[in-house]
Amino acid sequence: MMAKSSKRKTSLTQKKLAHRRVFYHRLRTTCEKMVGKGYFELLPESSLRLLYVHRYPPIKVIPQGKRVMNEEELFAYKQTLTSLLSEHYVDTLLNEQISFARFLTDVLVLIHYIQYRIGNRIKGFSKLHEAFAPYFTTTVWFDTWKTKVLQVMGLNDMQLYDFYRGTVRFRFDKMAVERLGGTNEIHIYRLKHSSLLQEVDGKKRVVVRMGIPSSTKMDEFDWLMIKPSQLGITDIEDEIALPLYAQQHALDRFEERALFGRGYVQAFLGYTFSQGQARTVVRKGHVLLECYIGPFKVGYFVVSLHEDKWLIRTFLFLTNEGTPEGNKLKRLTQLERLDTKYLMLDRMHAFLTYDISGDHDLRNIFTKSGCESILDYADELNKNGGELKSPEVIYQYLFGAEENIQAKK
C-alpha cells in the first residue's frame, strides 16, 4: 500500500512539474513576442513560481439560471467561444501576434505581475518595468485590445438570440481583463424583450422592440428611437423619434435567406442607427433599409410606419422581386418569382452551392443587376470550402439548354 501511495505521489509531482514547464515555455514565447529576447531571463525562479501560482485559467462559462440555455446550446456556446478566442489575435508592439485566448491568460498574468505585484524586489525590475510599461492596463494599447476582445466574445451571444426568450449577454466583471486576480468566469444571462401585439395586415402579430444591450447597465437595453430623416424620409415636418419594432417573420426571413443568425439583426440595427449611417430606398408606404453583413450588401429590411412605431415587416434578399436589384435582375433574365424560388436564387444557398461567381457570363448578369456583393460574399464564405457544383443547371434554366451551352463553347 505504501509503495502504491508513494508511486501516486511521485506521478502527481511529475505531472505538476510538466505542467509548470509547459507554462514557463508559453510565458517565454509570450514575453519575447511582447518585448523581445532577454527579458524573460530577468525573471528569477521565485517570480516564475508566483506567476505559475497566480496564472489565469481559460474562460469558464456559467449560465445564470436554467432558462438561459439548454445543454446543447451551452455546448455550442463553449465551442464557438473557444474558436473565436483561438482564431483572433492581438498585435503586439513588435508586430507579433498572440491569440485572444493567450491574451486573456498568459499576457495578462505577465502585465499584472510586472505592473502591480513585482515591486522592485528583483534585480531586473527597472528593465522589465520599462519594457512592459507600454502594455500596462492604463495604456491605449491595453484599452484598445480589451475592447476588441470583449466585442468578439459578444458575437457569440448572437447565436442564442430568441424572439420570445430574450437576448443573451455575458457579464465580464469577473474576468482578469477587467480586474486584477479575476477568475475568468463569464456569467451568461438573458435580457427580457419588450413585446406587444400589433395589428399587421388585419392580423394581430407579436412584435419585439429593437435595442442593444446597455454598455453601462448590465440588465437593460438602450432602445432605438428613429426619426423619419434617419430613414431617408424628408417630406415630413414632424421629426419626432419613434421606437423601432420587428415582427418574427422579418427575422425568420433574414436567417433563411442570408444564412446568418437572426441575433445579428439587432446588433446591425443598433450599430446602423447609433454609430453608422442608414442607407434607404423610400417607397410609397414603406422604406427599404439596406442590410449589410460586414462589407457585403445582402438585402433590405422592409420598414413601415404603424401607429406610434416603426415596424420591420420582412427581409428581402438582394435578388428578391421588390428590391431595385431584384427588379433589374428580373428584367435581364425574364425570371419570375417562382423561377427564382425554384433555383434558390432568392437566398444565399444557390450562391454557396453553385459556382455562379466563377462563371464569366453569369457573374456579368448578376453584376449588371447590382448583385455583385452577393457574389463577393459567397466568394468570402467559400474561401475554405469544398468544390462547388457546376452552375450549368442554372444556365439551362435561364437560357435554354442547347442554344446557350453551344454559344458558351
Protein backbone atom coordinates (compact mmCIF):
# COMPACT_ATOMS: atom_id res chain seq x y z
CA MET A 1 0.00 0.00 0.00
CA MET A 2 2.82 2.37 0.94
CA ALA A 3 4.60 1.68 -2.35
CA LYS A 4 1.46 2.40 -4.38
CA SER A 5 0.82 5.61 -2.45
CA SER A 6 4.43 6.71 -2.99
CA LYS A 7 4.18 6.00 -6.73
CA ARG A 8 0.97 8.00 -6.91
CA LYS A 9 2.58 10.98 -5.19
CA THR A 10 5.62 10.75 -7.49
CA SER A 11 3.35 10.63 -10.53
CA LEU A 12 1.40 13.70 -9.36
CA THR A 13 4.61 15.60 -8.68
CA GLN A 14 5.92 14.77 -12.14
CA LYS A 15 2.67 15.95 -13.73
CA LYS A 16 2.83 19.24 -11.83
CA LEU A 17 6.43 19.76 -12.92
CA ALA A 18 5.47 19.01 -16.53
CA HIS A 19 2.58 21.50 -16.37
CA ARG A 20 4.87 24.14 -14.92
CA ARG A 21 7.48 23.60 -17.65
CA VAL A 22 4.80 23.97 -20.33
CA PHE A 23 3.60 27.19 -18.66
CA TYR A 24 7.17 28.54 -18.50
CA HIS A 25 7.67 27.77 -22.19
CA ARG A 26 4.44 29.61 -23.11
CA LEU A 27 5.42 32.54 -20.92
CA ARG A 28 8.86 32.78 -22.56
CA THR A 29 7.25 32.81 -26.03
CA THR A 30 4.71 35.42 -24.94
CA CYS A 31 7.40 37.57 -23.36
CA GLU A 32 9.55 37.51 -26.50
CA LYS A 33 6.59 38.42 -28.72
CA MET A 34 5.79 41.40 -26.50
CA VAL A 35 9.20 42.88 -25.66
CA GLY A 36 11.84 40.73 -27.37
CA LYS A 37 14.52 38.31 -26.21
CA GLY A 38 16.46 38.63 -22.97
CA TYR A 39 13.67 39.88 -20.71
CA PHE A 40 12.23 36.52 -19.70
CA GLU A 41 15.65 35.65 -18.26
CA LEU A 42 15.34 38.62 -15.86
CA LEU A 43 12.55 36.79 -14.03
CA PRO A 44 14.04 34.66 -11.22
CA GLU A 45 12.65 31.22 -10.38
CA SER A 46 10.75 32.71 -7.42
CA SER A 47 8.90 35.07 -9.80
CA LEU A 48 8.16 32.27 -12.25
CA ARG A 49 6.71 30.16 -9.45
CA LEU A 50 4.49 33.06 -8.38
CA LEU A 51 3.37 33.60 -11.97
CA TYR A 52 2.50 29.91 -12.16
CA VAL A 53 0.56 30.02 -8.90
CA HIS A 54 -1.35 33.15 -9.93
CA ARG A 55 -1.81 32.15 -13.59
CA TYR A 56 -5.20 32.90 -15.09
CA PRO A 57 -7.36 29.95 -16.19
CA PRO A 58 -9.13 29.74 -19.58
CA ILE A 59 -12.55 31.41 -19.77
CA LYS A 60 -15.21 29.45 -17.88
CA VAL A 61 -18.86 29.78 -18.96
CA ILE A 62 -21.50 29.82 -16.20
CA PRO A 63 -25.21 30.15 -17.13
CA GLN A 64 -27.25 32.25 -14.70
CA GLY A 65 -30.28 30.02 -14.17
CA LYS A 66 -31.72 27.04 -16.04
CA ARG A 67 -33.71 29.01 -18.60
CA VAL A 68 -30.72 30.77 -20.18
CA MET A 69 -29.73 27.83 -22.40
CA ASN A 70 -30.08 24.06 -22.58
CA GLU A 71 -27.19 21.59 -22.57
CA GLU A 72 -26.92 21.53 -26.36
CA GLU A 73 -26.85 25.34 -26.57
CA LEU A 74 -24.27 25.50 -23.78
CA PHE A 75 -22.02 23.06 -25.61
CA ALA A 76 -22.30 25.05 -28.86
CA TYR A 77 -21.68 28.31 -27.00
CA LYS A 78 -18.49 26.98 -25.42
CA GLN A 79 -17.24 25.56 -28.72
CA THR A 80 -17.82 28.78 -30.62
CA LEU A 81 -16.23 30.85 -27.88
CA THR A 82 -13.13 28.65 -27.94
CA SER A 83 -12.88 29.09 -31.71
CA LEU A 84 -13.33 32.86 -31.52
CA LEU A 85 -10.61 33.23 -28.90
CA SER A 86 -8.14 30.94 -30.66
CA GLU A 87 -8.68 32.33 -34.19
CA HIS A 88 -8.40 36.05 -33.39
CA TYR A 89 -5.15 37.80 -32.42
CA VAL A 90 -3.85 40.88 -30.67
CA ASP A 91 -0.96 42.70 -32.32
CA THR A 92 2.00 43.33 -30.05
CA LEU A 93 4.16 46.43 -30.32
CA LEU A 94 6.80 44.26 -32.03
CA ASN A 95 4.31 43.36 -34.78
CA GLU A 96 3.92 39.84 -33.44
CA GLN A 97 0.56 38.16 -32.87
CA ILE A 98 -0.84 36.48 -29.76
CA SER A 99 -4.22 34.76 -29.70
CA PHE A 100 -7.07 36.30 -27.74
CA ALA A 101 -7.04 33.14 -25.57
CA ARG A 102 -3.43 33.78 -24.56
CA PHE A 103 -4.07 37.50 -24.14
CA LEU A 104 -6.74 36.70 -21.54
CA THR A 105 -4.39 34.37 -19.64
CA ASP A 106 -0.60 34.49 -20.16
CA VAL A 107 -0.34 38.11 -21.36
CA LEU A 108 -2.49 39.36 -18.50
CA VAL A 109 -0.63 37.48 -15.78
CA LEU A 110 2.65 38.97 -17.04
CA ILE A 111 1.25 42.51 -17.24
CA HIS A 112 -0.43 42.30 -13.84
CA TYR A 113 2.65 40.84 -12.16
CA ILE A 114 5.07 43.43 -13.53
CA GLN A 115 2.69 46.38 -13.16
CA TYR A 116 1.22 45.63 -9.73
CA ARG A 117 2.90 42.76 -7.88
CA ILE A 118 6.62 42.67 -8.53
CA GLY A 119 7.60 45.97 -6.87
CA ASN A 120 11.38 46.41 -7.01
CA ARG A 121 12.08 43.17 -5.20
CA ILE A 122 14.09 41.66 -8.05
CA LYS A 123 17.29 42.81 -9.69
CA GLY A 124 15.88 43.30 -13.21
CA PHE A 125 12.75 45.16 -12.11
CA SER A 126 13.52 48.51 -13.76
CA LYS A 127 14.29 46.93 -17.14
CA LEU A 128 11.15 44.78 -17.02
CA HIS A 129 9.00 47.70 -15.92
CA GLU A 130 10.31 49.93 -18.69
CA ALA A 131 9.88 47.25 -21.37
CA PHE A 132 6.33 46.28 -20.38
CA ALA A 133 5.05 49.78 -19.48
CA PRO A 134 3.51 50.36 -22.97
CA TYR A 135 1.28 47.31 -22.32
CA PHE A 136 0.05 48.30 -18.85
CA THR A 137 -3.68 48.42 -18.12
CA THR A 138 -3.61 52.23 -18.20
CA THR A 139 -2.40 52.39 -21.84
CA VAL A 140 -4.24 52.92 -25.11
CA TRP A 141 -2.87 49.59 -26.35
CA PHE A 142 -4.47 47.68 -23.49
CA ASP A 143 -7.79 49.54 -23.68
CA THR A 144 -7.99 49.03 -27.45
CA TRP A 145 -7.42 45.29 -27.32
CA LYS A 146 -9.59 44.77 -24.25
CA THR A 147 -12.48 46.40 -26.15
CA LYS A 148 -11.85 44.31 -29.28
CA VAL A 149 -11.66 41.04 -27.33
CA LEU A 150 -14.93 41.74 -25.50
CA GLN A 151 -16.61 42.72 -28.77
CA VAL A 152 -15.54 39.48 -30.44
CA MET A 153 -16.73 37.48 -27.42
CA GLY A 154 -20.04 39.31 -27.68
CA LEU A 155 -20.52 37.91 -31.20
CA ASN A 156 -21.07 34.54 -29.57
CA ASP A 157 -24.17 35.83 -27.79
CA MET A 158 -25.94 36.37 -31.12
CA GLN A 159 -26.35 32.66 -31.82
CA LEU A 160 -28.67 32.29 -28.80
CA TYR A 161 -30.92 35.25 -29.57
CA ASP A 162 -34.56 34.21 -29.22
CA PHE A 163 -37.56 36.31 -30.21
CA TYR A 164 -39.54 35.19 -27.16
CA ARG A 165 -36.91 34.10 -24.61
CA GLY A 166 -34.77 37.21 -24.94
CA THR A 167 -31.25 38.38 -25.79
CA VAL A 168 -28.27 36.53 -24.36
CA ARG A 169 -25.48 38.56 -22.81
CA PHE A 170 -22.37 37.74 -20.81
CA ARG A 171 -21.08 39.51 -17.70
CA PHE A 172 -17.32 40.07 -17.78
CA ASP A 173 -16.81 41.72 -14.38
CA LYS A 174 -15.04 38.61 -13.04
CA MET A 175 -12.61 38.36 -15.94
CA ALA A 176 -8.93 39.13 -15.39
CA VAL A 177 -9.08 41.67 -18.22
CA GLU A 178 -11.50 43.63 -16.05
CA ARG A 179 -9.88 43.22 -12.64
CA LEU A 180 -6.65 42.09 -11.05
CA GLY A 181 -6.86 38.50 -9.83
CA GLY A 182 -10.04 37.78 -11.80
CA THR A 183 -11.38 34.24 -12.04
CA ASN A 184 -12.02 34.45 -15.83
CA GLU A 185 -15.61 33.33 -15.29
CA ILE A 186 -18.26 34.79 -17.58
CA HIS A 187 -21.84 34.62 -16.37
CA ILE A 188 -24.44 34.23 -19.11
CA TYR A 189 -27.95 35.61 -18.70
CA ARG A 190 -30.92 36.70 -20.81
CA LEU A 191 -32.29 40.19 -21.17
CA LYS A 192 -36.07 40.10 -21.41
CA HIS A 193 -37.53 41.61 -24.59
CA SER A 194 -40.25 44.25 -24.65
CA SER A 195 -43.05 42.84 -26.82
CA LEU A 196 -46.66 43.70 -27.66
CA LEU A 197 -49.45 42.78 -30.05
CA GLN A 198 -49.66 44.84 -33.24
CA GLU A 199 -52.23 44.59 -36.00
CA VAL A 200 -50.46 43.92 -39.30
CA ASP A 201 -52.49 43.38 -42.46
CA GLY A 202 -55.61 42.72 -40.43
CA LYS A 203 -53.99 40.16 -38.10
CA LYS A 204 -52.61 40.51 -34.59
CA ARG A 205 -48.86 39.85 -34.56
CA VAL A 206 -46.34 39.75 -31.72
CA VAL A 207 -43.70 42.43 -32.31
CA VAL A 208 -40.50 42.98 -30.36
CA ARG A 209 -38.81 46.28 -29.63
CA MET A 210 -35.34 46.70 -31.09
CA GLY A 211 -32.42 47.88 -28.98
CA ILE A 212 -28.90 46.98 -27.96
CA PRO A 213 -27.77 45.83 -24.51
CA SER A 214 -26.69 48.85 -22.50
CA SER A 215 -22.96 49.42 -22.23
CA THR A 216 -23.36 50.88 -18.74
CA LYS A 217 -26.15 48.81 -17.16
CA MET A 218 -25.97 45.03 -17.24
CA ASP A 219 -29.72 44.32 -17.24
CA GLU A 220 -31.13 46.96 -19.58
CA PHE A 221 -31.45 47.80 -23.28
CA ASP A 222 -30.66 51.08 -24.98
CA TRP A 223 -33.80 51.29 -27.12
CA LEU A 224 -33.56 52.56 -30.69
CA MET A 225 -35.57 55.72 -31.36
CA ILE A 226 -35.73 56.56 -35.07
CA LYS A 227 -36.52 59.89 -36.73
CA PRO A 228 -38.09 59.94 -40.25
CA SER A 229 -34.96 61.63 -41.65
CA GLN A 230 -32.85 58.67 -40.45
CA LEU A 231 -34.88 56.51 -42.81
CA GLY A 232 -34.45 58.97 -45.68
CA ILE A 233 -37.96 60.45 -45.31
CA THR A 234 -37.59 64.19 -45.83
CA ASP A 235 -41.13 65.35 -46.72
CA ILE A 236 -42.42 65.17 -43.12
CA GLU A 237 -42.30 68.28 -40.96
CA ASP A 238 -42.64 66.40 -37.69
CA GLU A 239 -39.23 64.93 -36.78
CA ILE A 240 -40.45 63.03 -33.73
CA ALA A 241 -38.36 59.93 -32.98
CA LEU A 242 -40.39 56.73 -32.66
CA PRO A 243 -39.41 53.29 -31.33
CA LEU A 244 -38.35 50.56 -33.75
CA TYR A 245 -40.03 47.14 -33.61
CA ALA A 246 -39.70 43.95 -35.67
CA GLN A 247 -42.00 41.03 -36.24
CA GLN A 248 -40.66 37.50 -36.10
CA HIS A 249 -41.35 36.99 -39.80
CA ALA A 250 -38.62 39.53 -40.64
CA LEU A 251 -36.03 37.74 -38.50
CA ASP A 252 -37.04 34.35 -39.88
CA ARG A 253 -36.65 35.57 -43.46
CA PHE A 254 -33.27 37.15 -42.74
CA GLU A 255 -31.88 33.92 -41.28
CA GLU A 256 -33.40 31.77 -44.02
CA ARG A 257 -32.33 33.95 -46.94
CA ALA A 258 -28.99 35.39 -45.77
CA LEU A 259 -27.97 32.17 -43.96
CA PHE A 260 -26.87 34.21 -40.96
CA GLY A 261 -28.07 34.13 -37.37
CA ARG A 262 -31.09 36.32 -36.56
CA GLY A 263 -29.30 37.67 -33.50
CA TYR A 264 -27.16 39.70 -35.90
CA VAL A 265 -30.16 41.84 -36.91
CA GLN A 266 -30.38 43.56 -33.54
CA ALA A 267 -26.63 44.26 -33.49
CA PHE A 268 -26.70 45.55 -37.09
CA LEU A 269 -29.62 47.89 -36.43
CA GLY A 270 -28.03 49.12 -33.22
CA TYR A 271 -24.78 49.96 -34.99
CA THR A 272 -26.52 51.49 -38.02
CA PHE A 273 -28.68 53.91 -36.08
CA SER A 274 -26.30 54.76 -33.24
CA GLN A 275 -22.91 54.90 -34.99
CA GLY A 276 -23.35 54.31 -38.70
CA GLN A 277 -25.44 55.83 -41.47
CA ALA A 278 -28.63 54.12 -42.62
CA ARG A 279 -28.97 53.72 -46.39
CA THR A 280 -32.53 53.53 -47.62
CA VAL A 281 -34.82 53.49 -50.63
CA VAL A 282 -38.05 55.36 -49.88
CA ARG A 283 -41.15 53.86 -51.46
CA LYS A 284 -44.82 54.74 -51.16
CA GLY A 285 -45.99 53.23 -47.88
CA HIS A 286 -42.66 51.70 -46.84
CA VAL A 287 -38.90 52.11 -46.74
CA LEU A 288 -36.25 49.63 -47.87
CA LEU A 289 -33.40 49.70 -45.34
CA GLU A 290 -30.16 48.30 -46.78
CA CYS A 291 -28.71 45.37 -44.82
CA TYR A 292 -25.02 44.51 -44.75
CA ILE A 293 -23.14 41.54 -43.35
CA GLY A 294 -19.72 43.07 -42.86
CA PRO A 295 -18.97 44.98 -46.10
CA PHE A 296 -21.39 42.86 -48.15
CA LYS A 297 -24.84 44.15 -49.02
CA VAL A 298 -27.22 41.18 -48.79
CA GLY A 299 -30.68 42.72 -48.97
CA TYR A 300 -33.21 45.06 -47.40
CA PHE A 301 -35.44 45.26 -44.35
CA VAL A 302 -38.93 46.48 -45.22
CA VAL A 303 -39.86 49.18 -42.70
CA SER A 304 -43.24 50.91 -42.42
CA LEU A 305 -44.99 53.24 -40.01
CA HIS A 306 -47.57 51.57 -37.75
CA GLU A 307 -49.39 54.00 -35.48
CA ASP A 308 -46.76 55.14 -32.95
CA LYS A 309 -43.86 52.97 -34.07
CA TRP A 310 -41.66 51.92 -36.97
CA LEU A 311 -42.07 48.24 -37.81
CA ILE A 312 -39.69 45.93 -39.67
CA ARG A 313 -42.12 43.70 -41.54
CA THR A 314 -39.85 41.40 -43.53
CA PHE A 315 -36.42 40.94 -45.07
CA LEU A 316 -35.89 40.85 -48.84
CA PHE A 317 -32.79 39.17 -50.21
CA LEU A 318 -30.94 41.27 -52.79
CA THR A 319 -32.29 39.16 -55.68
CA ASN A 320 -35.91 39.21 -54.43
CA GLU A 321 -38.55 40.94 -56.53
CA GLY A 322 -39.35 44.28 -54.93
CA THR A 323 -35.73 45.35 -54.45
CA PRO A 324 -34.04 47.61 -57.05
CA GLU A 325 -31.52 44.84 -57.79
CA GLY A 326 -34.13 42.07 -57.88
CA ASN A 327 -36.34 44.03 -60.27
CA LYS A 328 -33.39 44.68 -62.58
CA LEU A 329 -32.35 41.01 -62.43
CA LYS A 330 -35.89 40.04 -63.47
CA ARG A 331 -35.75 42.39 -66.48
CA LEU A 332 -32.36 40.99 -67.55
CA THR A 333 -33.31 37.31 -67.19
CA GLN A 334 -37.12 37.30 -67.50
CA LEU A 335 -37.21 35.19 -64.35
CA GLU A 336 -40.50 35.16 -62.47
CA ARG A 337 -40.72 34.87 -58.68
CA LEU A 338 -41.39 31.12 -58.73
CA ASP A 339 -38.44 30.59 -61.08
CA THR A 340 -36.13 32.40 -58.69
CA LYS A 341 -37.52 30.40 -55.78
CA TYR A 342 -37.08 27.10 -57.65
CA LEU A 343 -33.43 27.86 -58.42
CA MET A 344 -32.89 29.06 -54.82
CA LEU A 345 -31.59 32.36 -56.21
CA ASP A 346 -33.80 34.12 -53.67
CA ARG A 347 -31.34 33.20 -50.90
CA MET A 348 -27.63 32.60 -50.32
CA HIS A 349 -28.00 28.84 -50.74
CA ALA A 350 -27.60 28.83 -54.53
CA PHE A 351 -24.53 31.08 -54.39
CA LEU A 352 -22.85 28.73 -51.90
CA THR A 353 -23.83 25.61 -53.86
CA TYR A 354 -23.06 26.57 -57.46
CA ASP A 355 -20.01 28.36 -58.79
CA ILE A 356 -22.01 31.29 -60.12
CA SER A 357 -19.25 33.70 -59.15
CA GLY A 358 -16.66 31.78 -61.20
CA ASP A 359 -18.74 31.75 -64.39
CA HIS A 360 -17.99 34.82 -66.51
CA ASP A 361 -21.43 35.17 -68.16
CA LEU A 362 -23.47 34.56 -65.02
CA ARG A 363 -21.27 36.87 -62.98
CA ASN A 364 -21.75 39.56 -65.62
CA ILE A 365 -25.56 39.26 -65.36
CA PHE A 366 -25.59 39.50 -61.57
CA THR A 367 -23.10 42.37 -61.67
CA LYS A 368 -25.24 44.30 -64.17
CA SER A 369 -28.25 43.90 -61.90
CA GLY A 370 -26.33 45.26 -58.90
CA CYS A 371 -26.00 41.91 -57.11
CA GLU A 372 -22.22 41.65 -57.25
CA SER A 373 -21.93 41.98 -53.47
CA ILE A 374 -23.75 38.64 -53.11
CA LEU A 375 -21.11 37.02 -55.32
CA ASP A 376 -18.31 38.65 -53.31
CA TYR A 377 -19.93 37.45 -50.08
CA ALA A 378 -20.18 33.91 -51.49
CA ASP A 379 -16.50 34.08 -52.51
CA GLU A 380 -15.60 35.04 -48.95
CA LEU A 381 -17.64 32.21 -47.43
CA ASN A 382 -16.35 29.69 -49.95
CA LYS A 383 -12.66 30.56 -49.49
CA ASN A 384 -12.02 27.50 -47.37
CA GLY A 385 -14.91 25.37 -48.58
CA GLY A 386 -15.07 22.32 -50.83
CA GLU A 387 -15.65 22.17 -54.57
CA LEU A 388 -18.74 23.93 -55.87
CA LYS A 389 -21.23 22.32 -58.22
CA SER A 390 -21.29 23.46 -61.82
CA PRO A 391 -23.78 26.28 -62.44
CA GLU A 392 -24.85 24.60 -65.68
CA VAL A 393 -28.29 23.78 -64.25
CA ILE A 394 -28.91 27.49 -63.75
CA TYR A 395 -27.64 28.23 -67.25
CA GLN A 396 -30.07 25.73 -68.73
CA TYR A 397 -32.96 27.16 -66.81
CA LEU A 398 -32.12 30.76 -67.69
CA PHE A 399 -31.32 30.45 -71.35
CA GLY A 400 -32.47 27.06 -72.63
CA ALA A 401 -30.12 24.11 -72.65
CA GLU A 402 -28.81 23.62 -76.17
CA GLU A 403 -28.51 27.09 -77.68
CA ASN A 404 -26.72 28.70 -74.81
CA ILE A 405 -24.41 25.86 -73.94
CA GLN A 406 -23.27 25.82 -77.54
CA ALA A 407 -22.95 29.59 -77.53
CA LYS A 408 -20.74 29.38 -74.45
CA LYS A 409 -18.47 26.89 -76.12
